[in-house]
Amino acid sequence: MIERFGAAPGAAPPLRVHPDLHLLTEREREIVGWVATGLSNDEIAAGLVVSPATVRTHVSRALIKLGARDRAQLVVIAYQSGVPLPGEDHPTCRAGGRILSALSPKCQAS
């Protein structure tokens, strides 16, 4: 308890990687990262140029594999496990994914 509250201000909490995170495919993990940015399925689909049904499928499979009851819990798992959030180095950002660039502050066109 002392170590937890005695940590340096601004220090990131230690990761608690979900034990089933390794079960996600690369695409499911990517979609979980986009979900953690707060985008809707339709917004993610438009930015990644896939159908909303495809995004829903990936989200649903991630929920099942991780035992998450809803999107909010999926976001918590993503942050606690250190799932990378999309940023400037994401291929969609580099390719000028205008929709994602406009909605995600980490994905700004340069």
N, C-alpha and C. Protein backbone atom coordinates (compact mmCIF):
# COMPACT_ATOMS: atom_id res chain seq x y z
N MET A 1 0.82 -1.17 0.00
CA MET A 1 0.00 0.00 0.00
C MET A 1 0.88 1.25 0.00
N ILE A 2 1.91 1.26 0.81
CA ILE A 2 2.80 2.41 0.89
C ILE A 2 3.50 2.63 -0.45
N GLU A 3 3.95 1.53 -1.07
CA GLU A 3 4.61 1.68 -2.37
C GLU A 3 3.67 2.28 -3.40
N ARG A 4 2.41 1.89 -3.36
CA ARG A 4 1.44 2.39 -4.34
C ARG A 4 1.24 3.89 -4.20
N PHE A 5 1.04 4.37 -2.97
CA PHE A 5 0.79 5.78 -2.77
C PHE A 5 2.08 6.59 -2.66
N GLY A 6 3.19 5.93 -2.43
CA GLY A 6 4.46 6.62 -2.31
C GLY A 6 5.19 6.75 -3.63
N ALA A 7 4.59 6.27 -4.71
CA ALA A 7 5.23 6.36 -6.03
C ALA A 7 5.37 7.81 -6.44
N ALA A 8 6.31 8.08 -7.31
CA ALA A 8 6.55 9.43 -7.79
C ALA A 8 5.30 9.97 -8.48
N PRO A 9 4.98 11.25 -8.23
CA PRO A 9 3.80 11.84 -8.88
C PRO A 9 3.95 11.75 -10.40
N GLY A 10 2.88 11.40 -11.06
CA GLY A 10 2.90 11.29 -12.52
C GLY A 10 3.44 9.98 -13.03
N ALA A 11 3.93 9.12 -12.14
CA ALA A 11 4.44 7.83 -12.58
C ALA A 11 3.28 6.95 -13.02
N ALA A 12 3.48 6.24 -14.10
CA ALA A 12 2.44 5.35 -14.62
C ALA A 12 2.27 4.17 -13.67
N PRO A 13 1.03 3.76 -13.47
CA PRO A 13 0.81 2.58 -12.62
C PRO A 13 1.37 1.35 -13.31
N PRO A 14 1.76 0.35 -12.54
CA PRO A 14 2.31 -0.86 -13.17
C PRO A 14 1.24 -1.54 -14.02
N LEU A 15 1.68 -2.13 -15.12
CA LEU A 15 0.75 -2.83 -16.00
C LEU A 15 0.24 -4.10 -15.34
N ARG A 16 -1.03 -4.36 -15.56
CA ARG A 16 -1.63 -5.62 -15.13
C ARG A 16 -2.18 -6.27 -16.39
N VAL A 17 -1.30 -6.94 -17.12
CA VAL A 17 -1.68 -7.52 -18.40
C VAL A 17 -2.72 -8.60 -18.19
N HIS A 18 -3.79 -8.49 -18.95
CA HIS A 18 -4.88 -9.48 -18.87
C HIS A 18 -4.33 -10.85 -19.26
N PRO A 19 -4.64 -11.89 -18.50
CA PRO A 19 -4.06 -13.21 -18.77
C PRO A 19 -4.46 -13.80 -20.12
N ASP A 20 -5.53 -13.32 -20.73
CA ASP A 20 -5.96 -13.85 -22.02
C ASP A 20 -5.69 -12.91 -23.18
N LEU A 21 -4.93 -11.85 -22.95
CA LEU A 21 -4.65 -10.88 -24.00
C LEU A 21 -3.98 -11.53 -25.21
N HIS A 22 -3.18 -12.54 -24.95
CA HIS A 22 -2.47 -13.22 -26.04
C HIS A 22 -3.41 -13.95 -26.99
N LEU A 23 -4.66 -14.14 -26.60
CA LEU A 23 -5.63 -14.83 -27.46
C LEU A 23 -6.16 -13.94 -28.58
N LEU A 24 -5.99 -12.63 -28.44
CA LEU A 24 -6.47 -11.71 -29.47
C LEU A 24 -5.60 -11.78 -30.71
N THR A 25 -6.24 -11.70 -31.87
CA THR A 25 -5.47 -11.58 -33.12
C THR A 25 -4.89 -10.17 -33.18
N GLU A 26 -3.97 -9.97 -34.08
CA GLU A 26 -3.37 -8.65 -34.24
C GLU A 26 -4.44 -7.61 -34.57
N ARG A 27 -5.39 -7.97 -35.44
CA ARG A 27 -6.45 -7.03 -35.82
C ARG A 27 -7.39 -6.75 -34.65
N GLU A 28 -7.73 -7.77 -33.86
CA GLU A 28 -8.58 -7.56 -32.69
C GLU A 28 -7.91 -6.62 -31.70
N ARG A 29 -6.61 -6.80 -31.51
CA ARG A 29 -5.86 -5.93 -30.60
C ARG A 29 -5.85 -4.49 -31.14
N GLU A 30 -5.70 -4.34 -32.44
CA GLU A 30 -5.72 -3.02 -33.06
C GLU A 30 -7.08 -2.35 -32.84
N ILE A 31 -8.15 -3.11 -33.06
CA ILE A 31 -9.50 -2.57 -32.88
C ILE A 31 -9.74 -2.20 -31.42
N VAL A 32 -9.25 -3.02 -30.49
CA VAL A 32 -9.39 -2.70 -29.07
C VAL A 32 -8.68 -1.36 -28.78
N GLY A 33 -7.53 -1.14 -29.39
CA GLY A 33 -6.84 0.14 -29.24
C GLY A 33 -7.68 1.31 -29.74
N TRP A 34 -8.34 1.12 -30.88
CA TRP A 34 -9.20 2.18 -31.40
C TRP A 34 -10.41 2.38 -30.51
N VAL A 35 -10.99 1.29 -29.99
CA VAL A 35 -12.12 1.41 -29.07
C VAL A 35 -11.70 2.23 -27.85
N ALA A 36 -10.49 2.01 -27.39
CA ALA A 36 -10.00 2.73 -26.20
C ALA A 36 -9.83 4.23 -26.44
N THR A 37 -9.82 4.65 -27.70
CA THR A 37 -9.75 6.09 -27.99
C THR A 37 -11.11 6.75 -27.89
N GLY A 38 -12.16 5.94 -27.75
CA GLY A 38 -13.51 6.48 -27.62
C GLY A 38 -14.31 6.54 -28.90
N LEU A 39 -13.75 6.03 -29.98
CA LEU A 39 -14.47 6.06 -31.25
C LEU A 39 -15.56 5.00 -31.28
N SER A 40 -16.63 5.27 -32.02
CA SER A 40 -17.71 4.30 -32.21
C SER A 40 -17.29 3.28 -33.27
N ASN A 41 -18.05 2.21 -33.36
CA ASN A 41 -17.77 1.20 -34.40
C ASN A 41 -17.85 1.81 -35.79
N ASP A 42 -18.84 2.65 -36.03
CA ASP A 42 -18.99 3.28 -37.34
C ASP A 42 -17.80 4.20 -37.66
N GLU A 43 -17.33 4.94 -36.68
CA GLU A 43 -16.19 5.83 -36.89
C GLU A 43 -14.92 5.03 -37.17
N ILE A 44 -14.71 3.95 -36.42
CA ILE A 44 -13.54 3.09 -36.65
C ILE A 44 -13.61 2.49 -38.03
N ALA A 45 -14.79 1.98 -38.40
CA ALA A 45 -14.97 1.35 -39.71
C ALA A 45 -14.67 2.32 -40.84
N ALA A 46 -15.20 3.54 -40.74
CA ALA A 46 -14.97 4.53 -41.79
C ALA A 46 -13.49 4.87 -41.93
N GLY A 47 -12.80 4.99 -40.82
CA GLY A 47 -11.38 5.33 -40.84
C GLY A 47 -10.50 4.21 -41.35
N LEU A 48 -10.86 2.96 -41.04
CA LEU A 48 -10.05 1.82 -41.45
C LEU A 48 -10.52 1.23 -42.78
N VAL A 49 -11.56 1.81 -43.34
CA VAL A 49 -12.15 1.39 -44.61
C VAL A 49 -12.56 -0.08 -44.57
N VAL A 50 -13.33 -0.41 -43.55
CA VAL A 50 -13.95 -1.72 -43.42
C VAL A 50 -15.41 -1.47 -43.06
N SER A 51 -16.22 -2.51 -43.08
CA SER A 51 -17.63 -2.31 -42.74
C SER A 51 -17.81 -2.23 -41.23
N PRO A 52 -18.86 -1.54 -40.80
CA PRO A 52 -19.16 -1.51 -39.36
C PRO A 52 -19.38 -2.92 -38.80
N ALA A 53 -19.93 -3.81 -39.62
CA ALA A 53 -20.14 -5.20 -39.17
C ALA A 53 -18.82 -5.88 -38.87
N THR A 54 -17.79 -5.58 -39.65
CA THR A 54 -16.47 -6.16 -39.40
C THR A 54 -15.91 -5.68 -38.07
N VAL A 55 -16.05 -4.39 -37.81
CA VAL A 55 -15.58 -3.84 -36.54
C VAL A 55 -16.36 -4.46 -35.38
N ARG A 56 -17.69 -4.56 -35.53
CA ARG A 56 -18.52 -5.19 -34.49
C ARG A 56 -18.07 -6.61 -34.22
N THR A 57 -17.74 -7.34 -35.28
CA THR A 57 -17.27 -8.72 -35.11
C THR A 57 -15.98 -8.76 -34.30
N HIS A 58 -15.02 -7.89 -34.65
CA HIS A 58 -13.75 -7.86 -33.91
C HIS A 58 -13.97 -7.47 -32.45
N VAL A 59 -14.83 -6.49 -32.21
CA VAL A 59 -15.11 -6.06 -30.83
C VAL A 59 -15.77 -7.21 -30.07
N SER A 60 -16.74 -7.86 -30.69
CA SER A 60 -17.45 -8.97 -30.03
C SER A 60 -16.50 -10.11 -29.68
N ARG A 61 -15.63 -10.44 -30.61
CA ARG A 61 -14.67 -11.53 -30.35
C ARG A 61 -13.70 -11.16 -29.23
N ALA A 62 -13.27 -9.90 -29.21
CA ALA A 62 -12.38 -9.45 -28.14
C ALA A 62 -13.10 -9.50 -26.79
N LEU A 63 -14.36 -9.07 -26.76
CA LEU A 63 -15.14 -9.13 -25.53
C LEU A 63 -15.23 -10.56 -25.01
N ILE A 64 -15.52 -11.50 -25.91
CA ILE A 64 -15.65 -12.91 -25.53
C ILE A 64 -14.32 -13.46 -25.04
N LYS A 65 -13.25 -13.24 -25.82
CA LYS A 65 -11.95 -13.80 -25.48
C LYS A 65 -11.42 -13.27 -24.15
N LEU A 66 -11.72 -12.01 -23.85
CA LEU A 66 -11.20 -11.39 -22.63
C LEU A 66 -12.19 -11.48 -21.47
N GLY A 67 -13.38 -11.99 -21.75
CA GLY A 67 -14.38 -12.11 -20.69
C GLY A 67 -14.90 -10.76 -20.22
N ALA A 68 -14.84 -9.78 -21.09
CA ALA A 68 -15.33 -8.43 -20.73
C ALA A 68 -16.84 -8.38 -20.95
N ARG A 69 -17.55 -7.69 -20.05
CA ARG A 69 -19.01 -7.66 -20.16
C ARG A 69 -19.51 -6.55 -21.07
N ASP A 70 -18.68 -5.52 -21.30
CA ASP A 70 -19.11 -4.42 -22.16
C ASP A 70 -17.88 -3.67 -22.68
N ARG A 71 -18.15 -2.68 -23.54
CA ARG A 71 -17.09 -1.87 -24.14
C ARG A 71 -16.26 -1.14 -23.09
N ALA A 72 -16.93 -0.65 -22.06
CA ALA A 72 -16.21 0.09 -21.01
C ALA A 72 -15.17 -0.80 -20.34
N GLN A 73 -15.54 -2.03 -20.06
CA GLN A 73 -14.58 -2.94 -19.44
C GLN A 73 -13.45 -3.28 -20.42
N LEU A 74 -13.77 -3.34 -21.70
CA LEU A 74 -12.74 -3.58 -22.72
C LEU A 74 -11.72 -2.44 -22.72
N VAL A 75 -12.19 -1.22 -22.57
CA VAL A 75 -11.30 -0.05 -22.51
C VAL A 75 -10.40 -0.13 -21.28
N VAL A 76 -10.97 -0.50 -20.14
CA VAL A 76 -10.18 -0.62 -18.91
C VAL A 76 -9.10 -1.68 -19.09
N ILE A 77 -9.47 -2.82 -19.66
CA ILE A 77 -8.50 -3.89 -19.90
C ILE A 77 -7.39 -3.39 -20.83
N ALA A 78 -7.76 -2.64 -21.86
CA ALA A 78 -6.76 -2.12 -22.81
C ALA A 78 -5.75 -1.23 -22.09
N TYR A 79 -6.24 -0.30 -21.26
CA TYR A 79 -5.34 0.60 -20.55
C TYR A 79 -4.49 -0.15 -19.52
N GLN A 80 -5.11 -1.04 -18.75
CA GLN A 80 -4.37 -1.77 -17.73
C GLN A 80 -3.33 -2.70 -18.33
N SER A 81 -3.61 -3.21 -19.53
CA SER A 81 -2.70 -4.17 -20.16
C SER A 81 -1.66 -3.51 -21.06
N GLY A 82 -1.79 -2.20 -21.25
CA GLY A 82 -0.81 -1.50 -22.08
C GLY A 82 -1.02 -1.72 -23.57
N VAL A 83 -2.26 -2.00 -23.98
CA VAL A 83 -2.54 -2.14 -25.42
C VAL A 83 -2.23 -0.80 -26.06
N PRO A 84 -1.39 -0.80 -27.10
CA PRO A 84 -1.01 0.49 -27.69
C PRO A 84 -2.20 1.17 -28.35
N LEU A 85 -2.35 2.45 -28.06
CA LEU A 85 -3.38 3.25 -28.71
C LEU A 85 -2.81 3.74 -30.04
N PRO A 86 -3.66 3.85 -31.04
CA PRO A 86 -3.16 4.32 -32.34
C PRO A 86 -2.59 5.73 -32.22
N GLY A 87 -1.51 5.97 -32.90
CA GLY A 87 -0.88 7.28 -32.90
C GLY A 87 -0.42 7.66 -34.29
N GLU A 88 0.46 8.64 -34.36
CA GLU A 88 0.93 9.14 -35.66
C GLU A 88 1.57 8.06 -36.52
N ASP A 89 2.13 7.04 -35.89
CA ASP A 89 2.83 6.00 -36.64
C ASP A 89 1.88 4.95 -37.20
N HIS A 90 0.57 5.05 -36.90
CA HIS A 90 -0.39 4.07 -37.40
C HIS A 90 -0.53 4.25 -38.91
N PRO A 91 -0.56 3.15 -39.69
CA PRO A 91 -0.65 3.25 -41.15
C PRO A 91 -1.82 4.09 -41.63
N THR A 92 -2.96 4.01 -40.98
CA THR A 92 -4.11 4.80 -41.41
C THR A 92 -3.84 6.28 -41.20
N CYS A 93 -3.15 6.63 -40.13
CA CYS A 93 -2.80 8.03 -39.91
C CYS A 93 -1.82 8.50 -40.98
N ARG A 94 -0.81 7.68 -41.26
CA ARG A 94 0.19 8.06 -42.26
C ARG A 94 -0.43 8.18 -43.64
N ALA A 95 -1.45 7.37 -43.93
CA ALA A 95 -2.09 7.39 -45.24
C ALA A 95 -3.13 8.50 -45.35
N GLY A 96 -3.23 9.31 -44.32
CA GLY A 96 -4.16 10.43 -44.36
C GLY A 96 -5.58 10.01 -44.02
N GLY A 97 -5.73 9.11 -43.08
CA GLY A 97 -7.06 8.69 -42.65
C GLY A 97 -7.78 9.87 -42.02
N ARG A 98 -8.44 10.67 -42.87
CA ARG A 98 -9.02 11.93 -42.42
C ARG A 98 -10.03 11.77 -41.30
N ILE A 99 -10.86 10.74 -41.38
CA ILE A 99 -11.88 10.58 -40.35
C ILE A 99 -11.21 10.31 -39.01
N LEU A 100 -10.27 9.38 -38.97
CA LEU A 100 -9.59 9.08 -37.72
C LEU A 100 -8.74 10.25 -37.28
N SER A 101 -8.13 10.95 -38.22
CA SER A 101 -7.31 12.11 -37.84
C SER A 101 -8.16 13.18 -37.17
N ALA A 102 -9.38 13.34 -37.64
CA ALA A 102 -10.25 14.37 -37.07
C ALA A 102 -10.79 13.96 -35.71
N LEU A 103 -10.95 12.66 -35.47
CA LEU A 103 -11.58 12.19 -34.24
C LEU A 103 -10.60 11.77 -33.16
N SER A 104 -9.41 11.38 -33.54
CA SER A 104 -8.45 10.91 -32.55
C SER A 104 -7.31 11.90 -32.44
N PRO A 105 -7.12 12.53 -31.27
CA PRO A 105 -6.05 13.51 -31.13
C PRO A 105 -4.66 12.92 -31.33
N LYS A 106 -4.52 11.60 -31.18
CA LYS A 106 -3.21 10.98 -31.35
C LYS A 106 -2.92 10.70 -32.82
N CYS A 107 -3.90 10.93 -33.69
CA CYS A 107 -3.77 10.62 -35.11
C CYS A 107 -3.98 11.91 -35.91
N GLN A 108 -3.01 12.79 -35.86
CA GLN A 108 -3.12 14.05 -36.55
C GLN A 108 -2.27 14.05 -37.82
N ALA A 109 -2.84 14.43 -38.92
CA ALA A 109 -2.10 14.51 -40.18
C ALA A 109 -1.03 15.58 -40.06
N SER A 110 0.15 15.26 -40.56
CA SER A 110 1.22 16.26 -40.45
C SER A 110 1.44 16.96 -41.76
